[in-house]
C-alpha atoms as a PDB file:
ATOM      1  CA  UNK A   1     106.489 -67.620 -45.640  1.00  0.00           C
ATOM      2  CA  UNK A   2     107.173 -66.918 -41.973  1.00  0.00           C
ATOM      3  CA  UNK A   3     110.867 -67.702 -42.419  1.00  0.00           C
ATOM      4  CA  UNK A   4     111.006 -65.371 -45.422  1.00  0.00           C
ATOM      5  CA  UNK A   5     109.427 -62.556 -43.408  1.00  0.00           C
ATOM      6  CA  UNK A   6     111.605 -63.088 -40.330  1.00  0.00           C
ATOM      7  CA  UNK A   7     114.855 -63.314 -42.293  1.00  0.00           C
ATOM      8  CA  UNK A   8     113.913 -60.188 -44.252  1.00  0.00           C
ATOM      9  CA  UNK A   9     113.542 -58.277 -40.991  1.00  0.00           C
ATOM     10  CA  UNK A  10     117.039 -59.300 -39.910  1.00  0.00           C
ATOM     11  CA  UNK A  11     118.821 -58.094 -43.066  1.00  0.00           C
ATOM     12  CA  UNK A  12     119.484 -54.574 -41.783  1.00  0.00           C
ATOM     13  CA  UNK A  13     119.805 -55.132 -38.054  1.00  0.00           C
ATOM     14  CA  UNK A  14     119.643 -57.628 -35.219  1.00  0.00           C
ATOM     15  CA  UNK A  15     116.206 -57.731 -33.642  1.00  0.00           C
ATOM     16  CA  UNK A  16     114.301 -59.461 -30.873  1.00  0.00           C
ATOM     17  CA  UNK A  17     111.017 -61.303 -31.418  1.00  0.00           C
ATOM     18  CA  UNK A  18     108.701 -58.511 -30.285  1.00  0.00           C
ATOM     19  CA  UNK A  19     110.375 -56.023 -32.643  1.00  0.00           C
ATOM     20  CA  UNK A  20     110.217 -58.506 -35.530  1.00  0.00           C
ATOM     21  CA  UNK A  21     106.493 -59.052 -34.947  1.00  0.00           C
ATOM     22  CA  UNK A  22     105.779 -55.327 -34.732  1.00  0.00           C
ATOM     23  CA  UNK A  23     107.795 -54.487 -37.837  1.00  0.00           C
ATOM     24  CA  UNK A  24     106.141 -57.228 -39.900  1.00  0.00           C
ATOM     25  CA  UNK A  25     102.698 -56.018 -38.809  1.00  0.00           C
ATOM     26  CA  UNK A  26     103.613 -52.425 -39.635  1.00  0.00           C
ATOM     27  CA  UNK A  27     105.144 -53.138 -43.053  1.00  0.00           C
ATOM     28  CA  UNK A  28     102.291 -55.455 -44.027  1.00  0.00           C
ATOM     29  CA  UNK A  29      99.723 -52.840 -42.971  1.00  0.00           C
ATOM     30  CA  UNK A  30      98.300 -55.304 -40.465  1.00  0.00           C
ATOM     31  CA  UNK A  31      97.922 -58.210 -42.901  1.00  0.00           C
ATOM     32  CA  UNK A  32     100.509 -60.344 -41.082  1.00  0.00           C
ATOM     33  CA  UNK A  33      99.927 -60.478 -37.345  1.00  0.00           C
ATOM     34  CA  UNK A  34     102.278 -63.116 -35.952  1.00  0.00           C
ATOM     35  CA  UNK A  35     101.798 -64.644 -32.541  1.00  0.00           C
ATOM     36  CA  UNK A  36     104.694 -65.760 -30.369  1.00  0.00           C
ATOM     37  CA  UNK A  37     103.693 -69.382 -30.860  1.00  0.00           C
ATOM     38  CA  UNK A  38     103.930 -69.110 -34.618  1.00  0.00           C
ATOM     39  CA  UNK A  39     107.366 -67.487 -34.472  1.00  0.00           C
ATOM     40  CA  UNK A  40     109.357 -69.552 -32.011  1.00  0.00           C
ATOM     41  CA  UNK A  41     109.156 -72.799 -33.999  1.00  0.00           C
ATOM     42  CA  UNK A  42     110.658 -71.241 -37.139  1.00  0.00           C
ATOM     43  CA  UNK A  43     113.175 -69.300 -35.028  1.00  0.00           C
ATOM     44  CA  UNK A  44     114.428 -72.482 -33.323  1.00  0.00           C
ATOM     45  CA  UNK A  45     114.616 -74.345 -36.647  1.00  0.00           C
ATOM     46  CA  UNK A  46     116.574 -71.497 -38.249  1.00  0.00           C
ATOM     47  CA  UNK A  47     118.924 -71.437 -35.230  1.00  0.00           C
ATOM     48  CA  UNK A  48     119.511 -75.192 -35.540  1.00  0.00           C
ATOM     49  CA  UNK A  49     120.265 -74.851 -39.263  1.00  0.00           C
ATOM     50  CA  UNK A  50     122.714 -71.998 -38.688  1.00  0.00           C
ATOM     51  CA  UNK A  51     120.667 -69.454 -40.636  1.00  0.00           C
ATOM     52  CA  UNK A  52     120.503 -67.144 -37.629  1.00  0.00           C
ATOM     53  CA  UNK A  53     122.277 -66.826 -34.305  1.00  0.00           C
ATOM     54  CA  UNK A  54     121.189 -65.298 -31.029  1.00  0.00           C
ATOM     55  CA  UNK A  55     122.684 -63.358 -28.176  1.00  0.00           C
ATOM     56  CA  UNK A  56     121.278 -62.108 -24.894  1.00  0.00           C
ATOM     57  CA  UNK A  57     121.585 -58.534 -23.730  1.00  0.00           C
ATOM     58  CA  UNK A  58     120.807 -57.211 -20.287  1.00  0.00           C
ATOM     59  CA  UNK A  59     117.853 -54.822 -20.319  1.00  0.00           C
ATOM     60  CA  UNK A  60     117.433 -52.941 -17.081  1.00  0.00           C
ATOM     61  CA  UNK A  61     118.812 -54.561 -13.979  1.00  0.00           C
ATOM     62  CA  UNK A  62     117.530 -58.132 -14.218  1.00  0.00           C
ATOM     63  CA  UNK A  63     115.853 -58.687 -17.581  1.00  0.00           C
ATOM     64  CA  UNK A  64     117.518 -60.174 -20.620  1.00  0.00           C
ATOM     65  CA  UNK A  65     116.424 -59.738 -24.208  1.00  0.00           C
ATOM     66  CA  UNK A  66     117.389 -62.237 -26.913  1.00  0.00           C
ATOM     67  CA  UNK A  67     118.490 -60.638 -30.171  1.00  0.00           C
ATOM     68  CA  UNK A  68     118.650 -62.582 -33.413  1.00  0.00           C
ATOM     69  CA  UNK A  69     121.290 -62.078 -36.096  1.00  0.00           C
ATOM     70  CA  UNK A  70     121.195 -63.116 -39.769  1.00  0.00           C
ATOM     71  CA  UNK A  71     124.194 -65.288 -40.605  1.00  0.00           C
ATOM     72  CA  UNK A  72     125.804 -65.622 -44.067  1.00  0.00           C
ATOM     73  CA  UNK A  73     124.077 -68.984 -44.587  1.00  0.00           C
ATOM     74  CA  UNK A  74     120.791 -67.266 -43.727  1.00  0.00           C
ATOM     75  CA  UNK A  75     121.441 -64.586 -46.352  1.00  0.00           C
ATOM     76  CA  UNK A  76     121.967 -67.302 -48.972  1.00  0.00           C
ATOM     77  CA  UNK A  77     118.807 -69.085 -47.865  1.00  0.00           C
ATOM     78  CA  UNK A  78     116.854 -65.805 -47.931  1.00  0.00           C
ATOM     79  CA  UNK A  79     117.985 -65.146 -51.512  1.00  0.00           C
ATOM     80  CA  UNK A  80     116.684 -68.602 -52.499  1.00  0.00           C
ATOM     81  CA  UNK A  81     113.400 -68.000 -50.667  1.00  0.00           C
ATOM     82  CA  UNK A  82     112.907 -64.672 -52.443  1.00  0.00           C
ATOM     83  CA  UNK A  83     113.607 -66.279 -55.806  1.00  0.00           C
ATOM     84  CA  UNK A  84     111.089 -69.069 -55.106  1.00  0.00           C
ATOM     85  CA  UNK A  85     108.529 -66.541 -53.836  1.00  0.00           C
ATOM     86  CA  UNK A  86     108.683 -64.458 -57.014  1.00  0.00           C
ATOM     87  CA  UNK A  87     108.621 -67.549 -59.214  1.00  0.00           C
ATOM     88  CA  UNK A  88     105.499 -68.763 -57.421  1.00  0.00           C
ATOM     89  CA  UNK A  89     103.984 -65.295 -57.741  1.00  0.00           C
ATOM     90  CA  UNK A  90     104.661 -65.192 -61.516  1.00  0.00           C
ATOM     91  CA  UNK A  91     103.242 -68.692 -62.045  1.00  0.00           C
ATOM     92  CA  UNK A  92     100.154 -67.885 -59.975  1.00  0.00           C
ATOM     93  CA  UNK A  93      99.697 -64.571 -61.797  1.00  0.00           C
ATOM     94  CA  UNK A  94      99.874 -66.364 -65.163  1.00  0.00           C
ATOM     95  CA  UNK A  95      97.101 -68.710 -64.094  1.00  0.00           C
ATOM     96  CA  UNK A  96      94.871 -66.211 -62.297  1.00  0.00           C
ATOM     97  CA  UNK A  97      95.229 -63.410 -64.858  1.00  0.00           C
ATOM     98  CA  UNK A  98      93.280 -65.481 -67.410  1.00  0.00           C
ATOM     99  CA  UNK A  99      90.199 -65.259 -65.231  1.00  0.00           C
ATOM    100  CA  UNK A 100      90.339 -61.523 -64.610  1.00  0.00           C
ATOM    101  CA  UNK A 101      89.473 -60.791 -68.263  1.00  0.00           C
ATOM    102  CA  UNK A 102      86.539 -63.212 -68.135  1.00  0.00           C
ATOM    103  CA  UNK A 103      83.208 -61.361 -68.346  1.00  0.00           C
ATOM    104  CA  UNK A 104      81.670 -63.790 -65.847  1.00  0.00           C
ATOM    105  CA  UNK A 105      84.188 -62.627 -63.270  1.00  0.00           C
ATOM    106  CA  UNK A 106      83.094 -59.413 -61.560  1.00  0.00           C
ATOM    107  CA  UNK A 107      85.857 -56.804 -61.224  1.00  0.00           C
ATOM    108  CA  UNK A 108      84.110 -55.527 -58.105  1.00  0.00           C
ATOM    109  CA  UNK A 109      84.950 -58.870 -56.475  1.00  0.00           C
ATOM    110  CA  UNK A 110      88.672 -58.471 -57.206  1.00  0.00           C
ATOM    111  CA  UNK A 111      88.659 -54.951 -55.782  1.00  0.00           C
ATOM    112  CA  UNK A 112      86.918 -56.216 -52.647  1.00  0.00           C
ATOM    113  CA  UNK A 113      89.416 -59.099 -52.286  1.00  0.00           C
ATOM    114  CA  UNK A 114      92.357 -56.650 -52.410  1.00  0.00           C
ATOM    115  CA  UNK A 115      91.117 -54.914 -49.253  1.00  0.00           C
END
């Protein structure tokens, strides 16, 4: 899931880790708060697999910022991830939707779980 989110952020523009984290938090309305530790592992693995690349840019006089770029292989992988995500969602929805109509299942509980 983290790879899917990170790669999705890189579709439109190159970004650095802090920006990726902030954008994911913003777009998910605070549901996905990623810590540095949870991001660098997937970032390094995606770099090793050639899904993304990185470059350093000088920020100020002495600081460098590492920007990540989505490569063509990463775009292909992202398309596969999105397809798997929606397939899993449909399968899960098929299973879970049977219980929503059950009178023993309180609708108030589902509304509370959505929040």
